[in-house]
Amino acid sequence: MEAFVSNFARMLAALALVLALAWIALRLLRGRLSGGASRALPGSVGSDALRFVRALPVGTKERVVLVEHRGERWLLGVASGGISTIAHWPAPVEAAEKALTGGDSD
């Protein structure tokens, strides 16, 4: 009976160690994969995050999707054969100028 308890305790310790290492690895990967975009404000010009705005289905497998990236908006057509750009709206000029100058010009 003592052997069972000691083996079970070792197994639980090993499992706890593996789970802790997996948690640390996932945290490190999340930081590396996001590239620091999580620290930027969503919708800001410097943000590298791709933000989903809205989707509209237009068929069984086709849809029109509106996404935002670095302050620019993209209207995309998504179908089983691929993705195509329907429209593109650049970032507002004042936001881009503010990002280039580093703040207000006053």
PDB file of N, CA and C in Angstrom:
ATOM      1  N   MET A   1       0.812  -1.192   0.000  1.00  0.00           N
ATOM      2  CA  MET A   1       0.000   0.000   0.000  1.00  0.00           C
ATOM      3  C   MET A   1       0.860   1.263   0.000  1.00  0.00           C
ATOM      4  N   GLU A   2       2.006   1.180   0.724  1.00  0.00           N
ATOM      5  CA  GLU A   2       2.896   2.340   0.771  1.00  0.00           C
ATOM      6  C   GLU A   2       3.501   2.616  -0.594  1.00  0.00           C
ATOM      7  N   ALA A   3       3.783   1.591  -1.348  1.00  0.00           N
ATOM      8  CA  ALA A   3       4.349   1.767  -2.683  1.00  0.00           C
ATOM      9  C   ALA A   3       3.349   2.464  -3.598  1.00  0.00           C
ATOM     10  N   PHE A   4       2.087   2.100  -3.473  1.00  0.00           N
ATOM     11  CA  PHE A   4       1.055   2.750  -4.282  1.00  0.00           C
ATOM     12  C   PHE A   4       0.965   4.234  -3.954  1.00  0.00           C
ATOM     13  N   VAL A   5       0.965   4.583  -2.683  1.00  0.00           N
ATOM     14  CA  VAL A   5       0.858   5.979  -2.261  1.00  0.00           C
ATOM     15  C   VAL A   5       2.069   6.778  -2.734  1.00  0.00           C
ATOM     16  N   SER A   6       3.264   6.212  -2.597  1.00  0.00           N
ATOM     17  CA  SER A   6       4.466   6.943  -3.029  1.00  0.00           C
ATOM     18  C   SER A   6       4.495   7.096  -4.555  1.00  0.00           C
ATOM     19  N   ASN A   7       4.110   6.053  -5.278  1.00  0.00           N
ATOM     20  CA  ASN A   7       4.052   6.163  -6.743  1.00  0.00           C
ATOM     21  C   ASN A   7       3.000   7.173  -7.185  1.00  0.00           C
ATOM     22  N   PHE A   8       1.867   7.187  -6.517  1.00  0.00           N
ATOM     23  CA  PHE A   8       0.806   8.135  -6.847  1.00  0.00           C
ATOM     24  C   PHE A   8       1.256   9.570  -6.558  1.00  0.00           C
ATOM     25  N   ALA A   9       1.952   9.773  -5.449  1.00  0.00           N
ATOM     26  CA  ALA A   9       2.457  11.110  -5.106  1.00  0.00           C
ATOM     27  C   ALA A   9       3.488  11.571  -6.129  1.00  0.00           C
ATOM     28  N   ARG A  10       4.379  10.669  -6.570  1.00  0.00           N
ATOM     29  CA  ARG A  10       5.355  11.031  -7.602  1.00  0.00           C
ATOM     30  C   ARG A  10       4.673  11.380  -8.917  1.00  0.00           C
ATOM     31  N   MET A  11       3.634  10.607  -9.260  1.00  0.00           N
ATOM     32  CA  MET A  11       2.907  10.879 -10.500  1.00  0.00           C
ATOM     33  C   MET A  11       2.240  12.252 -10.441  1.00  0.00           C
ATOM     34  N   LEU A  12       1.629  12.584  -9.303  1.00  0.00           N
ATOM     35  CA  LEU A  12       0.989  13.895  -9.166  1.00  0.00           C
ATOM     36  C   LEU A  12       2.010  15.026  -9.219  1.00  0.00           C
ATOM     37  N   ALA A  13       3.182  14.830  -8.620  1.00  0.00           N
ATOM     38  CA  ALA A  13       4.237  15.847  -8.670  1.00  0.00           C
ATOM     39  C   ALA A  13       4.727  16.042 -10.103  1.00  0.00           C
ATOM     40  N   ALA A  14       4.890  14.947 -10.831  1.00  0.00           N
ATOM     41  CA  ALA A  14       5.321  15.041 -12.232  1.00  0.00           C
ATOM     42  C   ALA A  14       4.262  15.738 -13.077  1.00  0.00           C
ATOM     43  N   LEU A  15       3.004  15.422 -12.840  1.00  0.00           N
ATOM     44  CA  LEU A  15       1.922  16.069 -13.574  1.00  0.00           C
ATOM     45  C   LEU A  15       1.890  17.561 -13.281  1.00  0.00           C
ATOM     46  N   ALA A  16       2.059  17.942 -12.023  1.00  0.00           N
ATOM     47  CA  ALA A  16       2.079  19.360 -11.654  1.00  0.00           C
ATOM     48  C   ALA A  16       3.241  20.075 -12.335  1.00  0.00           C
ATOM     49  N   LEU A  17       4.393  19.427 -12.399  1.00  0.00           N
ATOM     50  CA  LEU A  17       5.557  20.019 -13.062  1.00  0.00           C
ATOM     51  C   LEU A  17       5.299  20.211 -14.553  1.00  0.00           C
ATOM     52  N   VAL A  18       4.740  19.203 -15.205  1.00  0.00           N
ATOM     53  CA  VAL A  18       4.445  19.306 -16.643  1.00  0.00           C
ATOM     54  C   VAL A  18       3.417  20.411 -16.899  1.00  0.00           C
ATOM     55  N   LEU A  19       2.389  20.496 -16.085  1.00  0.00           N
ATOM     56  CA  LEU A  19       1.379  21.550 -16.259  1.00  0.00           C
ATOM     57  C   LEU A  19       1.974  22.935 -16.042  1.00  0.00           C
ATOM     58  N   ALA A  20       2.846  23.072 -15.056  1.00  0.00           N
ATOM     59  CA  ALA A  20       3.486  24.366 -14.812  1.00  0.00           C
ATOM     60  C   ALA A  20       4.372  24.762 -15.990  1.00  0.00           C
ATOM     61  N   LEU A  21       5.139  23.824 -16.528  1.00  0.00           N
ATOM     62  CA  LEU A  21       5.987  24.119 -17.684  1.00  0.00           C
ATOM     63  C   LEU A  21       5.154  24.465 -18.916  1.00  0.00           C
ATOM     64  N   ALA A  22       4.050  23.770 -19.117  1.00  0.00           N
ATOM     65  CA  ALA A  22       3.176  24.076 -20.249  1.00  0.00           C
ATOM     66  C   ALA A  22       2.573  25.463 -20.103  1.00  0.00           C
ATOM     67  N   TRP A  23       2.181  25.837 -18.893  1.00  0.00           N
ATOM     68  CA  TRP A  23       1.600  27.162 -18.662  1.00  0.00           C
ATOM     69  C   TRP A  23       2.637  28.251 -18.947  1.00  0.00           C
ATOM     70  N   ILE A  24       3.868  28.046 -18.477  1.00  0.00           N
ATOM     71  CA  ILE A  24       4.934  29.031 -18.725  1.00  0.00           C
ATOM     72  C   ILE A  24       5.225  29.134 -20.218  1.00  0.00           C
ATOM     73  N   ALA A  25       5.287  28.006 -20.908  1.00  0.00           N
ATOM     74  CA  ALA A  25       5.552  28.022 -22.344  1.00  0.00           C
ATOM     75  C   ALA A  25       4.444  28.744 -23.103  1.00  0.00           C
ATOM     76  N   LEU A  26       3.195  28.516 -22.728  1.00  0.00           N
ATOM     77  CA  LEU A  26       2.088  29.198 -23.398  1.00  0.00           C
ATOM     78  C   LEU A  26       2.128  30.700 -23.159  1.00  0.00           C
ATOM     79  N   ARG A  27       2.463  31.114 -21.961  1.00  0.00           N
ATOM     80  CA  ARG A  27       2.583  32.551 -21.677  1.00  0.00           C
ATOM     81  C   ARG A  27       3.684  33.188 -22.512  1.00  0.00           C
ATOM     82  N   LEU A  28       4.825  32.519 -22.620  1.00  0.00           N
ATOM     83  CA  LEU A  28       5.917  33.059 -23.429  1.00  0.00           C
ATOM     84  C   LEU A  28       5.545  33.113 -24.904  1.00  0.00           C
ATOM     85  N   LEU A  29       4.883  32.069 -25.398  1.00  0.00           N
ATOM     86  CA  LEU A  29       4.475  32.062 -26.804  1.00  0.00           C
ATOM     87  C   LEU A  29       3.438  33.127 -27.093  1.00  0.00           C
ATOM     88  N   ARG A  30       2.515  33.356 -26.167  1.00  0.00           N
ATOM     89  CA  ARG A  30       1.507  34.388 -26.380  1.00  0.00           C
ATOM     90  C   ARG A  30       2.166  35.758 -26.523  1.00  0.00           C
ATOM     91  N   GLY A  31       3.149  36.031 -25.709  1.00  0.00           N
ATOM     92  CA  GLY A  31       3.864  37.304 -25.803  1.00  0.00           C
ATOM     93  C   GLY A  31       4.640  37.448 -27.096  1.00  0.00           C
ATOM     94  N   ARG A  32       5.271  36.358 -27.544  1.00  0.00           N
ATOM     95  CA  ARG A  32       6.044  36.426 -28.779  1.00  0.00           C
ATOM     96  C   ARG A  32       5.160  36.497 -30.012  1.00  0.00           C
ATOM     97  N   LEU A  33       4.066  35.737 -30.022  1.00  0.00           N
ATOM     98  CA  LEU A  33       3.206  35.709 -31.205  1.00  0.00           C
ATOM     99  C   LEU A  33       2.421  36.994 -31.376  1.00  0.00           C
ATOM    100  N   SER A  34       2.049  37.641 -30.278  1.00  0.00           N
ATOM    101  CA  SER A  34       1.296  38.885 -30.408  1.00  0.00           C
ATOM    102  C   SER A  34       2.206  40.014 -30.860  1.00  0.00           C
ATOM    103  N   GLY A  35       3.502  39.872 -30.677  1.00  0.00           N
ATOM    104  CA  GLY A  35       4.441  40.883 -31.145  1.00  0.00           C
ATOM    105  C   GLY A  35       4.289  42.210 -30.447  1.00  0.00           C
ATOM    106  N   GLY A  36       3.748  42.218 -29.249  1.00  0.00           N
ATOM    107  CA  GLY A  36       3.552  43.456 -28.517  1.00  0.00           C
ATOM    108  C   GLY A  36       2.293  44.191 -28.910  1.00  0.00           C
ATOM    109  N   ALA A  37       1.493  43.637 -29.813  1.00  0.00           N
ATOM    110  CA  ALA A  37       0.271  44.317 -30.253  1.00  0.00           C
ATOM    111  C   ALA A  37      -0.752  44.397 -29.141  1.00  0.00           C
ATOM    112  N   SER A  38      -0.671  43.478 -28.180  1.00  0.00           N
ATOM    113  CA  SER A  38      -1.639  43.509 -27.096  1.00  0.00           C
ATOM    114  C   SER A  38      -1.419  44.713 -26.188  1.00  0.00           C
ATOM    115  N   ARG A  39      -0.219  45.295 -26.217  1.00  0.00           N
ATOM    116  CA  ARG A  39       0.044  46.457 -25.386  1.00  0.00           C
ATOM    117  C   ARG A  39      -0.465  47.738 -26.024  1.00  0.00           C
ATOM    118  N   ALA A  40      -0.651  47.744 -27.341  1.00  0.00           N
ATOM    119  CA  ALA A  40      -1.159  48.929 -28.028  1.00  0.00           C
ATOM    120  C   ALA A  40      -2.670  48.984 -27.899  1.00  0.00           C
ATOM    121  N   LEU A  41      -3.192  50.183 -27.991  1.00  0.00           N
ATOM    122  CA  LEU A  41      -4.635  50.341 -27.902  1.00  0.00           C
ATOM    123  C   LEU A  41      -5.296  49.798 -29.151  1.00  0.00           C
ATOM    124  N   PRO A  42      -6.414  49.070 -29.013  1.00  0.00           N
ATOM    125  CA  PRO A  42      -7.093  48.578 -30.202  1.00  0.00           C
ATOM    126  C   PRO A  42      -7.611  49.742 -31.037  1.00  0.00           C
ATOM    127  N   GLY A  43      -7.403  49.668 -32.330  1.00  0.00           N
ATOM    128  CA  GLY A  43      -7.870  50.734 -33.203  1.00  0.00           C
ATOM    129  C   GLY A  43      -6.858  51.843 -33.374  1.00  0.00           C
ATOM    130  N   SER A  44      -5.761  51.836 -32.613  1.00  0.00           N
ATOM    131  CA  SER A  44      -4.754  52.872 -32.774  1.00  0.00           C
ATOM    132  C   SER A  44      -3.939  52.572 -34.021  1.00  0.00           C
ATOM    133  N   VAL A  45      -3.307  53.599 -34.552  1.00  0.00           N
ATOM    134  CA  VAL A  45      -2.578  53.454 -35.801  1.00  0.00           C
ATOM    135  C   VAL A  45      -1.395  52.526 -35.625  1.00  0.00           C
ATOM    136  N   GLY A  46      -0.753  52.504 -34.460  1.00  0.00           N
ATOM    137  CA  GLY A  46       0.414  51.680 -34.242  1.00  0.00           C
ATOM    138  C   GLY A  46       0.091  50.237 -33.916  1.00  0.00           C
ATOM    139  N   SER A  47      -1.162  49.904 -33.802  1.00  0.00           N
ATOM    140  CA  SER A  47      -1.539  48.546 -33.428  1.00  0.00           C
ATOM    141  C   SER A  47      -1.407  47.613 -34.617  1.00  0.00           C
ATOM    142  N   ASP A  48      -0.723  46.487 -34.411  1.00  0.00           N
ATOM    143  CA  ASP A  48      -0.583  45.491 -35.474  1.00  0.00           C
ATOM    144  C   ASP A  48      -1.678  44.451 -35.432  1.00  0.00           C
ATOM    145  N   ALA A  49      -2.576  44.553 -34.472  1.00  0.00           N
ATOM    146  CA  ALA A  49      -3.630  43.556 -34.329  1.00  0.00           C
ATOM    147  C   ALA A  49      -4.662  43.723 -35.444  1.00  0.00           C
ATOM    148  N   LEU A  50      -5.088  42.614 -35.989  1.00  0.00           N
ATOM    149  CA  LEU A  50      -6.157  42.596 -36.967  1.00  0.00           C
ATOM    150  C   LEU A  50      -7.463  42.488 -36.204  1.00  0.00           C
ATOM    151  N   ARG A  51      -8.352  43.468 -36.375  1.00  0.00           N
ATOM    152  CA  ARG A  51      -9.584  43.501 -35.605  1.00  0.00           C
ATOM    153  C   ARG A  51     -10.771  43.231 -36.513  1.00  0.00           C
ATOM    154  N   PHE A  52     -11.550  42.224 -36.149  1.00  0.00           N
ATOM    155  CA  PHE A  52     -12.770  41.878 -36.868  1.00  0.00           C
ATOM    156  C   PHE A  52     -13.849  42.890 -36.497  1.00  0.00           C
ATOM    157  N   VAL A  53     -14.497  43.484 -37.494  1.00  0.00           N
ATOM    158  CA  VAL A  53     -15.550  44.469 -37.241  1.00  0.00           C
ATOM    159  C   VAL A  53     -16.924  43.843 -37.450  1.00  0.00           C
ATOM    160  N   ARG A  54     -17.148  43.274 -38.628  1.00  0.00           N
ATOM    161  CA  ARG A  54     -18.470  42.718 -38.933  1.00  0.00           C
ATOM    162  C   ARG A  54     -18.395  41.807 -40.152  1.00  0.00           C
ATOM    163  N   ALA A  55     -19.307  40.846 -40.206  1.00  0.00           N
ATOM    164  CA  ALA A  55     -19.397  39.939 -41.357  1.00  0.00           C
ATOM    165  C   ALA A  55     -20.853  39.830 -41.784  1.00  0.00           C
ATOM    166  N   LEU A  56     -21.047  39.682 -43.086  1.00  0.00           N
ATOM    167  CA  LEU A  56     -22.386  39.537 -43.646  1.00  0.00           C
ATOM    168  C   LEU A  56     -22.386  38.356 -44.606  1.00  0.00           C
ATOM    169  N   PRO A  57     -23.138  37.298 -44.286  1.00  0.00           N
ATOM    170  CA  PRO A  57     -23.180  36.168 -45.216  1.00  0.00           C
ATOM    171  C   PRO A  57     -23.969  36.541 -46.470  1.00  0.00           C
ATOM    172  N   VAL A  58     -23.424  36.185 -47.631  1.00  0.00           N
ATOM    173  CA  VAL A  58     -24.098  36.469 -48.897  1.00  0.00           C
ATOM    174  C   VAL A  58     -24.397  35.201 -49.679  1.00  0.00           C
ATOM    175  N   GLY A  59     -24.084  34.064 -49.110  1.00  0.00           N
ATOM    176  CA  GLY A  59     -24.336  32.767 -49.736  1.00  0.00           C
ATOM    177  C   GLY A  59     -24.097  31.673 -48.720  1.00  0.00           C
ATOM    178  N   THR A  60     -24.086  30.437 -49.195  1.00  0.00           N
ATOM    179  CA  THR A  60     -23.892  29.327 -48.264  1.00  0.00           C
ATOM    180  C   THR A  60     -22.470  29.297 -47.710  1.00  0.00           C
ATOM    181  N   LYS A  61     -21.474  29.596 -48.546  1.00  0.00           N
ATOM    182  CA  LYS A  61     -20.081  29.608 -48.104  1.00  0.00           C
ATOM    183  C   LYS A  61     -19.412  30.955 -48.324  1.00  0.00           C
ATOM    184  N   GLU A  62     -20.145  31.922 -48.810  1.00  0.00           N
ATOM    185  CA  GLU A  62     -19.570  33.223 -49.118  1.00  0.00           C
ATOM    186  C   GLU A  62     -20.030  34.255 -48.101  1.00  0.00           C
ATOM    187  N   ARG A  63     -19.124  35.172 -47.800  1.00  0.00           N
ATOM    188  CA  ARG A  63     -19.482  36.269 -46.905  1.00  0.00           C
ATOM    189  C   ARG A  63     -18.622  37.483 -47.192  1.00  0.00           C
ATOM    190  N   VAL A  64     -19.125  38.632 -46.788  1.00  0.00           N
ATOM    191  CA  VAL A  64     -18.395  39.887 -46.875  1.00  0.00           C
ATOM    192  C   VAL A  64     -17.964  40.236 -45.453  1.00  0.00           C
ATOM    193  N   VAL A  65     -16.665  40.519 -45.282  1.00  0.00           N
ATOM    194  CA  VAL A  65     -16.107  40.744 -43.959  1.00  0.00           C
ATOM    195  C   VAL A  65     -15.448  42.118 -43.914  1.00  0.00           C
ATOM    196  N   LEU A  66     -15.704  42.850 -42.835  1.00  0.00           N
ATOM    197  CA  LEU A  66     -15.074  44.146 -42.606  1.00  0.00           C
ATOM    198  C   LEU A  66     -14.072  43.975 -41.467  1.00  0.00           C
ATOM    199  N   VAL A  67     -12.785  44.258 -41.758  1.00  0.00           N
ATOM    200  CA  VAL A  67     -11.737  44.147 -40.751  1.00  0.00           C
ATOM    201  C   VAL A  67     -10.971  45.465 -40.681  1.00  0.00           C
ATOM    202  N   GLU A  68     -10.258  45.650 -39.565  1.00  0.00           N
ATOM    203  CA  GLU A  68      -9.479  46.867 -39.354  1.00  0.00           C
ATOM    204  C   GLU A  68      -8.059  46.475 -38.988  1.00  0.00           C
ATOM    205  N   HIS A  69      -7.087  47.164 -39.613  1.00  0.00           N
ATOM    206  CA  HIS A  69      -5.673  46.913 -39.331  1.00  0.00           C
ATOM    207  C   HIS A  69      -4.930  48.230 -39.408  1.00  0.00           C
ATOM    208  N   ARG A  70      -4.280  48.603 -38.316  1.00  0.00           N
ATOM    209  CA  ARG A  70      -3.527  49.856 -38.234  1.00  0.00           C
ATOM    210  C   ARG A  70      -4.372  51.067 -38.591  1.00  0.00           C
ATOM    211  N   GLY A  71      -5.604  51.066 -38.164  1.00  0.00           N
ATOM    212  CA  GLY A  71      -6.484  52.190 -38.408  1.00  0.00           C
ATOM    213  C   GLY A  71      -7.131  52.190 -39.786  1.00  0.00           C
ATOM    214  N   GLU A  72      -6.723  51.300 -40.654  1.00  0.00           N
ATOM    215  CA  GLU A  72      -7.307  51.213 -41.985  1.00  0.00           C
ATOM    216  C   GLU A  72      -8.393  50.153 -41.988  1.00  0.00           C
ATOM    217  N   ARG A  73      -9.439  50.375 -42.765  1.00  0.00           N
ATOM    218  CA  ARG A  73     -10.530  49.401 -42.867  1.00  0.00           C
ATOM    219  C   ARG A  73     -10.487  48.726 -44.229  1.00  0.00           C
ATOM    220  N   TRP A  74     -10.726  47.413 -44.209  1.00  0.00           N
ATOM    221  CA  TRP A  74     -10.713  46.599 -45.414  1.00  0.00           C
ATOM    222  C   TRP A  74     -12.030  45.849 -45.520  1.00  0.00           C
ATOM    223  N   LEU A  75     -12.667  45.916 -46.678  1.00  0.00           N
ATOM    224  CA  LEU A  75     -13.860  45.136 -46.959  1.00  0.00           C
ATOM    225  C   LEU A  75     -13.415  43.974 -47.842  1.00  0.00           C
ATOM    226  N   LEU A  76     -13.567  42.755 -47.327  1.00  0.00           N
ATOM    227  CA  LEU A  76     -13.062  41.574 -48.011  1.00  0.00           C
ATOM    228  C   LEU A  76     -14.200  40.650 -48.405  1.00  0.00           C
ATOM    229  N   GLY A  77     -14.074  40.052 -49.564  1.00  0.00           N
ATOM    230  CA  GLY A  77     -14.995  39.018 -49.995  1.00  0.00           C
ATOM    231  C   GLY A  77     -14.358  37.665 -49.723  1.00  0.00           C
ATOM    232  N   VAL A  78     -15.029  36.844 -48.931  1.00  0.00           N
ATOM    233  CA  VAL A  78     -14.480  35.542 -48.548  1.00  0.00           C
ATOM    234  C   VAL A  78     -15.355  34.452 -49.151  1.00  0.00           C
ATOM    235  N   ALA A  79     -14.740  33.567 -49.912  1.00  0.00           N
ATOM    236  CA  ALA A  79     -15.441  32.436 -50.536  1.00  0.00           C
ATOM    237  C   ALA A  79     -14.559  31.208 -50.396  1.00  0.00           C
ATOM    238  N   SER A  80     -15.081  30.060 -50.790  1.00  0.00           N
ATOM    239  CA  SER A  80     -14.298  28.829 -50.674  1.00  0.00           C
ATOM    240  C   SER A  80     -13.081  28.860 -51.595  1.00  0.00           C
ATOM    241  N   GLY A  81     -13.128  29.648 -52.647  1.00  0.00           N
ATOM    242  CA  GLY A  81     -12.020  29.742 -53.591  1.00  0.00           C
ATOM    243  C   GLY A  81     -10.939  30.713 -53.182  1.00  0.00           C
ATOM    244  N   GLY A  82     -11.180  31.572 -52.191  1.00  0.00           N
ATOM    245  CA  GLY A  82     -10.161  32.530 -51.773  1.00  0.00           C
ATOM    246  C   GLY A  82     -10.757  33.781 -51.159  1.00  0.00           C
ATOM    247  N   ILE A  83      -9.900  34.767 -50.964  1.00  0.00           N
ATOM    248  CA  ILE A  83     -10.270  36.042 -50.363  1.00  0.00           C
ATOM    249  C   ILE A  83      -9.890  37.139 -51.340  1.00  0.00           C
ATOM    250  N   SER A  84     -10.790  38.108 -51.551  1.00  0.00           N
ATOM    251  CA  SER A  84     -10.479  39.221 -52.442  1.00  0.00           C
ATOM    252  C   SER A  84     -10.851  40.534 -51.769  1.00  0.00           C
ATOM    253  N   THR A  85     -10.112  41.574 -52.112  1.00  0.00           N
ATOM    254  CA  THR A  85     -10.370  42.902 -51.563  1.00  0.00           C
ATOM    255  C   THR A  85     -11.480  43.567 -52.359  1.00  0.00           C
ATOM    256  N   ILE A  86     -12.500  44.021 -51.658  1.00  0.00           N
ATOM    257  CA  ILE A  86     -13.600  44.730 -52.300  1.00  0.00           C
ATOM    258  C   ILE A  86     -13.385  46.228 -52.184  1.00  0.00           C
ATOM    259  N   ALA A  87     -13.020  46.687 -50.983  1.00  0.00           N
ATOM    260  CA  ALA A  87     -12.782  48.114 -50.772  1.00  0.00           C
ATOM    261  C   ALA A  87     -11.743  48.294 -49.674  1.00  0.00           C
ATOM    262  N   HIS A  88     -11.097  49.453 -49.680  1.00  0.00           N
ATOM    263  CA  HIS A  88     -10.083  49.792 -48.683  1.00  0.00           C
ATOM    264  C   HIS A  88     -10.220  51.263 -48.321  1.00  0.00           C
ATOM    265  N   TRP A  89     -10.299  51.543 -47.031  1.00  0.00           N
ATOM    266  CA  TRP A  89     -10.358  52.915 -46.548  1.00  0.00           C
ATOM    267  C   TRP A  89      -9.116  53.165 -45.715  1.00  0.00           C
ATOM    268  N   PRO A  90      -8.254  54.113 -46.140  1.00  0.00           N
ATOM    269  CA  PRO A  90      -7.029  54.372 -45.376  1.00  0.00           C
ATOM    270  C   PRO A  90      -7.326  54.999 -44.023  1.00  0.00           C
ATOM    271  N   ALA A  91      -6.306  54.998 -43.167  1.00  0.00           N
ATOM    272  CA  ALA A  91      -6.439  55.600 -41.841  1.00  0.00           C
ATOM    273  C   ALA A  91      -6.677  57.094 -41.990  1.00  0.00           C
ATOM    274  N   PRO A  92      -7.401  57.704 -41.061  1.00  0.00           N
ATOM    275  CA  PRO A  92      -7.592  59.157 -41.126  1.00  0.00           C
ATOM    276  C   PRO A  92      -6.245  59.879 -41.118  1.00  0.00           C
ATOM    277  N   VAL A  93      -6.169  60.976 -41.867  1.00  0.00           N
ATOM    278  CA  VAL A  93      -4.909  61.701 -42.037  1.00  0.00           C
ATOM    279  C   VAL A  93      -4.396  62.228 -40.709  1.00  0.00           C
ATOM    280  N   GLU A  94      -5.265  62.788 -39.868  1.00  0.00           N
ATOM    281  CA  GLU A  94      -4.800  63.359 -38.608  1.00  0.00           C
ATOM    282  C   GLU A  94      -4.236  62.292 -37.677  1.00  0.00           C
ATOM    283  N   ALA A  95      -4.784  61.094 -37.705  1.00  0.00           N
ATOM    284  CA  ALA A  95      -4.254  60.018 -36.867  1.00  0.00           C
ATOM    285  C   ALA A  95      -2.887  59.583 -37.365  1.00  0.00           C
ATOM    286  N   ALA A  96      -2.719  59.515 -38.687  1.00  0.00           N
ATOM    287  CA  ALA A  96      -1.423  59.134 -39.254  1.00  0.00           C
ATOM    288  C   ALA A  96      -0.368  60.207 -38.988  1.00  0.00           C
ATOM    289  N   GLU A  97      -0.744  61.486 -39.114  1.00  0.00           N
ATOM    290  CA  GLU A  97       0.199  62.558 -38.832  1.00  0.00           C
ATOM    291  C   GLU A  97       0.585  62.575 -37.364  1.00  0.00           C
ATOM    292  N   LYS A  98      -0.369  62.328 -36.475  1.00  0.00           N
ATOM    293  CA  LYS A  98      -0.085  62.301 -35.048  1.00  0.00           C
ATOM    294  C   LYS A  98       0.881  61.178 -34.721  1.00  0.00           C
ATOM    295  N   ALA A  99       0.735  60.043 -35.395  1.00  0.00           N
ATOM    296  CA  ALA A  99       1.621  58.908 -35.155  1.00  0.00           C
ATOM    297  C   ALA A  99       3.027  59.211 -35.661  1.00  0.00           C
ATOM    298  N   LEU A 100       3.138  59.926 -36.776  1.00  0.00           N
ATOM    299  CA  LEU A 100       4.446  60.251 -37.327  1.00  0.00           C
ATOM    300  C   LEU A 100       5.169  61.296 -36.509  1.00  0.00           C
ATOM    301  N   THR A 101       4.444  62.303 -36.024  1.00  0.00           N
ATOM    302  CA  THR A 101       5.075  63.386 -35.251  1.00  0.00           C
ATOM    303  C   THR A 101       5.244  63.020 -33.792  1.00  0.00           C
ATOM    304  N   GLY A 102       4.560  62.013 -33.320  1.00  0.00           N
ATOM    305  CA  GLY A 102       4.696  61.605 -31.939  1.00  0.00           C
ATOM    306  C   GLY A 102       3.810  62.363 -30.972  1.00  0.00           C
ATOM    307  N   GLY A 103       2.821  63.058 -31.468  1.00  0.00           N
ATOM    308  CA  GLY A 103       1.904  63.766 -30.566  1.00  0.00           C
ATOM    309  C   GLY A 103       1.306  64.971 -31.241  1.00  0.00           C
ATOM    310  N   ASP A 104       0.774  65.889 -30.416  1.00  0.00           N
ATOM    311  CA  ASP A 104       0.149  67.101 -30.925  1.00  0.00           C
ATOM    312  C   ASP A 104       1.197  68.079 -31.415  1.00  0.00           C
ATOM    313  N   SER A 105       0.824  68.882 -32.386  1.00  0.00           N
ATOM    314  CA  SER A 105       1.738  69.876 -32.919  1.00  0.00           C
ATOM    315  C   SER A 105       1.544  71.229 -32.263  1.00  0.00           C
ATOM    316  N   ASP A 106       0.712  71.312 -31.222  1.00  0.00           N
ATOM    317  CA  ASP A 106       0.475  72.590 -30.527  1.00  0.00           C
ATOM    318  C   ASP A 106       1.590  72.942 -29.579  1.00  0.00           C
TER     319      ASP A 106
END
